[in-house]
Amino acid sequence: SLSAGLDLPGRFLFAILTLMTLIANVVFVEEAVYIYRKIPSSKRLIIIWINAAAPVIATTSCIGMWIPRSTMFTDFTAAVFFAIVIHKFLLMMIKECGGQKLLLRRFENGHFKISTGPCCCCCLCLPHVRITRRTLFWLKLGTFQFAFLRPVLMFLSIVLWTNGNYTFYNLSPKGAAIWISCFVGVLTIIALWPVAIMFQQVRTLLTCKKIIPKFALYQFILILNHLQAAIINILAMQRIIRCAPPLSSSARGAYMTQQLLIMEMFLITLISRVVYRRRYDDLEPPECTSEEAGDNKEAP
């Protein structure tokens, strides 16, 4: 633990960040109870999983901040959890359309626009793909492979790390870290593509379900947890983030990442409570406005 070597401002900062983590978890538990009581069972577990992303990342970052030697395990836990959340978010969009059968009925003559990010946003010449049971299966498989393979790769990384063959900051071609990181990067891009394709298709239909702010929150968590952390790690490896004894450059980079993530996930947890806190009924687009009016009347 680093707490013994902290000065007074450092202890105050650690206390504030820990308090933020505790508040985020309390807010999530309260929201989970509300979801469990108010939302149909078909959507309940999926929405709780998605809401748990920010508090879980805040908690793992807080543990890594207090116990530096656990950073590798806490980072892997957060990464594996969010890999499952990506798959759950795709399933949530399908559920919000009334389920797979109703979605296929509504878009029976529709087509998916596959020229979207992060894979093919520049390939405008790609043909549109007809919406069928088979294409929905491939979309779900695209996110499921990440939810399945990410834990397998993380387990392999930990096994290699305990044997001394995996060092996160060793990016030489002879090391295992560079190959595993590249493979995970490819799997991540493949998993994000189906979510973007589905969002482009249903965002107009699900406007009354606040799908746009929900997708924005999901994107923020993705960017902050992956891209921000990668940028800080690169800066630390290049010694742009300087060492400050007893902390090395990499250790300082890890602390910066953890502290930023705690503050960011705290804010996202509060915003998620506002976005997701509403009555969820089966979606009927023609009655979307009347549904919202009915929700407002039922609200205490």
Foldseek 3Di string as FASTA:
>chain_A
DCVVVDDPVVVVLLVVLVVLLVVLVVLLVVLLVLLVPFADPVLNVLLSLLLCLLSLLLVLLSVCLVPVVCNLVSLLVSQLSLLVNLLSLLQNLQVLCVHDVSVCVVQVVHWFDLCVDDPRVPVNVDDTHRDDPVVSVVLSVLSVCSNPVSVVLSVVQVVCVVVVQADCLPCDPSGPNVVSVVVNVVSVRSSVSSSRRSCVVCVVQCVLLVVVVSVVLSVVSVCLSPVVLVVLQVCLSVCVQQADPPGHSNSVSSNVSSSVSSVVSSVSSVVSSVSNPFRRDRDDRVCSVVVVVVRVVPDD
